[in-house]
Amino acid sequence: MNDRITVGQMYTGPVTPGVLRKSRAGETENAPAKPFAEVLESNLLKLSNHAAKRLEQRGIELKSEQMKQIGTALDKAAAKGAKESLILMQDMAFIVNVKNRTVVTAMDSESMRDNVFTQIDSAVIIS
């Protein structure tokens, strides 16, 4: 590593204090388009590209309440030390990466028929 670290500073490489400075009251700032609560809520559960395609192909529409239920199931799985979890909800199933809070794939009742779920270490059933 050739990055220089000076005692008392935590800046390495191209990042310098000038880059990290806060804007002054008179300067315009790039404000986020969404309120913080919306950004936070949207980051609670992510969909992989594969999962998004499967949801679209299989005609599955997730409502915000269902997303919250999946998020709660993820919290429970994480509390037990799960890594890859199967979440069963009504007539749907989701394989979820617990650490990244990402839905890896989604299935409807037709797709679940006669399937074997592999590479999971836990299952959460939402009733």
C-alpha atoms as a PDB file:
ATOM      1  CA  MET A   1       0.000   0.000   0.000  1.00  0.00           C
ATOM      2  CA  ASN A   2       1.410   3.356  -1.003  1.00  0.00           C
ATOM      3  CA  ASP A   3      -1.325   5.526   0.517  1.00  0.00           C
ATOM      4  CA  ARG A   4       0.044   7.951   3.063  1.00  0.00           C
ATOM      5  CA  ILE A   5      -1.664   8.126   6.441  1.00  0.00           C
ATOM      6  CA  THR A   6      -0.835  11.055   8.701  1.00  0.00           C
ATOM      7  CA  VAL A   7      -1.164  10.653  12.448  1.00  0.00           C
ATOM      8  CA  GLY A   8      -4.409  12.222  13.633  1.00  0.00           C
ATOM      9  CA  GLN A   9      -6.097  11.996  10.238  1.00  0.00           C
ATOM     10  CA  MET A  10      -8.136   9.233   8.662  1.00  0.00           C
ATOM     11  CA  TYR A  11      -7.826  10.330   5.036  1.00  0.00           C
ATOM     12  CA  THR A  12      -6.084   8.069   2.557  1.00  0.00           C
ATOM     13  CA  GLY A  13      -5.498   8.351  -1.148  1.00  0.00           C
ATOM     14  CA  PRO A  14      -7.498  10.874  -3.144  1.00  0.00           C
ATOM     15  CA  VAL A  15      -9.924  11.731  -0.314  1.00  0.00           C
ATOM     16  CA  THR A  16      -8.902  14.925   1.441  1.00  0.00           C
ATOM     17  CA  PRO A  17     -10.556  17.178   4.028  1.00  0.00           C
ATOM     18  CA  GLY A  18     -11.480  19.654   1.255  1.00  0.00           C
ATOM     19  CA  VAL A  19     -13.579  17.000  -0.472  1.00  0.00           C
ATOM     20  CA  LEU A  20     -15.394  16.140   2.725  1.00  0.00           C
ATOM     21  CA  ARG A  21     -16.128  19.698   3.849  1.00  0.00           C
ATOM     22  CA  LYS A  22     -19.697  20.651   4.666  1.00  0.00           C
ATOM     23  CA  SER A  23     -21.478  23.266   2.606  1.00  0.00           C
ATOM     24  CA  ARG A  24     -22.038  26.681   4.092  1.00  0.00           C
ATOM     25  CA  ALA A  25     -25.493  28.103   4.731  1.00  0.00           C
ATOM     26  CA  GLY A  26     -25.473  30.234   1.549  1.00  0.00           C
ATOM     27  CA  GLU A  27     -24.333  27.453  -0.793  1.00  0.00           C
ATOM     28  CA  THR A  28     -26.754  25.213  -2.632  1.00  0.00           C
ATOM     29  CA  GLU A  29     -26.566  21.552  -1.801  1.00  0.00           C
ATOM     30  CA  ASN A  30     -27.669  18.455  -3.666  1.00  0.00           C
ATOM     31  CA  ALA A  31     -30.703  17.602  -1.558  1.00  0.00           C
ATOM     32  CA  PRO A  32     -32.165  14.108  -1.883  1.00  0.00           C
ATOM     33  CA  ALA A  33     -35.301  13.905  -3.983  1.00  0.00           C
ATOM     34  CA  LYS A  34     -37.107  11.797  -1.358  1.00  0.00           C
ATOM     35  CA  PRO A  35     -37.626  12.497   2.335  1.00  0.00           C
ATOM     36  CA  PHE A  36     -35.341  10.561   4.665  1.00  0.00           C
ATOM     37  CA  ALA A  37     -38.163   8.291   5.909  1.00  0.00           C
ATOM     38  CA  GLU A  38     -38.922   7.131   2.357  1.00  0.00           C
ATOM     39  CA  VAL A  39     -35.264   6.458   1.611  1.00  0.00           C
ATOM     40  CA  LEU A  40     -34.899   4.516   4.852  1.00  0.00           C
ATOM     41  CA  GLU A  41     -38.034   2.487   4.196  1.00  0.00           C
ATOM     42  CA  SER A  42     -36.973   1.667   0.643  1.00  0.00           C
ATOM     43  CA  ASN A  43     -33.610   0.382   1.919  1.00  0.00           C
ATOM     44  CA  LEU A  44     -35.113  -2.041   4.407  1.00  0.00           C
ATOM     45  CA  LEU A  45     -35.561  -4.735   1.757  1.00  0.00           C
ATOM     46  CA  LYS A  46     -33.911  -4.978  -1.640  1.00  0.00           C
ATOM     47  CA  LEU A  47     -34.806  -7.049  -4.691  1.00  0.00           C
ATOM     48  CA  SER A  48     -32.083  -8.599  -6.809  1.00  0.00           C
ATOM     49  CA  ASN A  49     -32.411  -8.276 -10.580  1.00  0.00           C
ATOM     50  CA  HIS A  50     -33.260 -11.975 -10.745  1.00  0.00           C
ATOM     51  CA  ALA A  51     -36.011 -11.595  -8.135  1.00  0.00           C
ATOM     52  CA  ALA A  52     -37.467  -8.560  -9.909  1.00  0.00           C
ATOM     53  CA  LYS A  53     -37.631 -10.538 -13.169  1.00  0.00           C
ATOM     54  CA  ARG A  54     -39.283 -13.501 -11.430  1.00  0.00           C
ATOM     55  CA  LEU A  55     -41.861 -11.255  -9.762  1.00  0.00           C
ATOM     56  CA  GLU A  56     -42.709  -9.745 -13.139  1.00  0.00           C
ATOM     57  CA  GLN A  57     -42.773 -13.091 -14.975  1.00  0.00           C
ATOM     58  CA  ARG A  58     -44.993 -14.711 -12.382  1.00  0.00           C
ATOM     59  CA  GLY A  59     -47.308 -11.745 -11.946  1.00  0.00           C
ATOM     60  CA  ILE A  60     -46.526 -11.296  -8.255  1.00  0.00           C
ATOM     61  CA  GLU A  61     -47.179  -7.815  -6.878  1.00  0.00           C
ATOM     62  CA  LEU A  62     -45.895  -7.079  -3.397  1.00  0.00           C
ATOM     63  CA  LYS A  63     -47.742  -4.474  -1.382  1.00  0.00           C
ATOM     64  CA  SER A  64     -45.963  -2.351   1.207  1.00  0.00           C
ATOM     65  CA  GLU A  65     -47.594  -4.366   4.014  1.00  0.00           C
ATOM     66  CA  GLN A  66     -46.210  -7.597   2.550  1.00  0.00           C
ATOM     67  CA  MET A  67     -42.757  -6.006   2.230  1.00  0.00           C
ATOM     68  CA  LYS A  68     -42.936  -5.051   5.919  1.00  0.00           C
ATOM     69  CA  GLN A  69     -43.883  -8.630   6.810  1.00  0.00           C
ATOM     70  CA  ILE A  70     -40.905  -9.954   4.854  1.00  0.00           C
ATOM     71  CA  GLY A  71     -38.703  -7.384   6.623  1.00  0.00           C
ATOM     72  CA  THR A  72     -39.980  -8.575  10.004  1.00  0.00           C
ATOM     73  CA  ALA A  73     -39.326 -12.185   8.995  1.00  0.00           C
ATOM     74  CA  LEU A  74     -35.799 -11.170   8.001  1.00  0.00           C
ATOM     75  CA  ASP A  75     -35.249  -9.594  11.417  1.00  0.00           C
ATOM     76  CA  LYS A  76     -36.335 -12.823  13.099  1.00  0.00           C
ATOM     77  CA  ALA A  77     -34.083 -14.925  10.868  1.00  0.00           C
ATOM     78  CA  ALA A  78     -31.129 -12.598  11.501  1.00  0.00           C
ATOM     79  CA  ALA A  79     -31.695 -12.832  15.265  1.00  0.00           C
ATOM     80  CA  LYS A  80     -31.285 -16.606  14.991  1.00  0.00           C
ATOM     81  CA  GLY A  81     -28.096 -16.306  12.911  1.00  0.00           C
ATOM     82  CA  ALA A  82     -29.584 -17.262   9.537  1.00  0.00           C
ATOM     83  CA  LYS A  83     -27.686 -16.509   6.336  1.00  0.00           C
ATOM     84  CA  GLU A  84     -29.934 -17.690   3.491  1.00  0.00           C
ATOM     85  CA  SER A  85     -33.580 -18.094   4.399  1.00  0.00           C
ATOM     86  CA  LEU A  86     -36.749 -19.381   2.777  1.00  0.00           C
ATOM     87  CA  ILE A  87     -39.712 -17.162   3.595  1.00  0.00           C
ATOM     88  CA  LEU A  88     -43.142 -18.695   3.001  1.00  0.00           C
ATOM     89  CA  MET A  89     -46.012 -16.228   2.847  1.00  0.00           C
ATOM     90  CA  GLN A  90     -49.559 -17.129   1.725  1.00  0.00           C
ATOM     91  CA  ASP A  91     -49.078 -18.681  -1.728  1.00  0.00           C
ATOM     92  CA  MET A  92     -45.600 -17.228  -2.296  1.00  0.00           C
ATOM     93  CA  ALA A  93     -42.048 -18.199  -1.402  1.00  0.00           C
ATOM     94  CA  PHE A  94     -38.922 -16.056  -1.303  1.00  0.00           C
ATOM     95  CA  ILE A  95     -35.280 -16.988  -0.941  1.00  0.00           C
ATOM     96  CA  VAL A  96     -33.596 -14.140   0.920  1.00  0.00           C
ATOM     97  CA  ASN A  97     -29.999 -13.260   1.725  1.00  0.00           C
ATOM     98  CA  VAL A  98     -30.381 -12.212   5.352  1.00  0.00           C
ATOM     99  CA  LYS A  99     -27.119 -10.294   5.725  1.00  0.00           C
ATOM    100  CA  ASN A 100     -27.740  -8.099   2.662  1.00  0.00           C
ATOM    101  CA  ARG A 101     -31.521  -7.990   3.219  1.00  0.00           C
ATOM    102  CA  THR A 102     -31.970  -8.926  -0.445  1.00  0.00           C
ATOM    103  CA  VAL A 103     -34.661 -11.101  -2.000  1.00  0.00           C
ATOM    104  CA  VAL A 104     -32.735 -13.453  -4.287  1.00  0.00           C
ATOM    105  CA  THR A 105     -35.704 -15.130  -5.982  1.00  0.00           C
ATOM    106  CA  ALA A 106     -39.467 -15.296  -5.710  1.00  0.00           C
ATOM    107  CA  MET A 107     -41.968 -18.037  -6.520  1.00  0.00           C
ATOM    108  CA  ASP A 108     -45.714 -18.312  -6.740  1.00  0.00           C
ATOM    109  CA  SER A 109     -47.726 -21.422  -5.836  1.00  0.00           C
ATOM    110  CA  GLU A 110     -47.339 -22.906  -9.340  1.00  0.00           C
ATOM    111  CA  SER A 111     -43.556 -22.495  -9.298  1.00  0.00           C
ATOM    112  CA  MET A 112     -43.294 -24.017  -5.808  1.00  0.00           C
ATOM    113  CA  ARG A 113     -45.067 -27.223  -6.784  1.00  0.00           C
ATOM    114  CA  ASP A 114     -42.711 -30.227  -6.610  1.00  0.00           C
ATOM    115  CA  ASN A 115     -39.683 -28.006  -5.975  1.00  0.00           C
ATOM    116  CA  VAL A 116     -36.786 -28.678  -3.666  1.00  0.00           C
ATOM    117  CA  PHE A 117     -35.292 -25.628  -1.970  1.00  0.00           C
ATOM    118  CA  THR A 118     -31.513 -25.848  -1.631  1.00  0.00           C
ATOM    119  CA  GLN A 119     -28.741 -23.702  -0.179  1.00  0.00           C
ATOM    120  CA  ILE A 120     -30.895 -22.341   2.638  1.00  0.00           C
ATOM    121  CA  ASP A 121     -30.194 -22.637   6.332  1.00  0.00           C
ATOM    122  CA  SER A 122     -33.550 -21.530   7.697  1.00  0.00           C
ATOM    123  CA  ALA A 123     -37.219 -21.088   6.922  1.00  0.00           C
ATOM    124  CA  VAL A 124     -39.672 -18.474   8.192  1.00  0.00           C
ATOM    125  CA  ILE A 125     -43.405 -18.993   7.760  1.00  0.00           C
ATOM    126  CA  ILE A 126     -45.567 -15.883   7.738  1.00  0.00           C
ATOM    127  CA  SER A 127     -49.177 -16.699   8.517  1.00  0.00           C
END
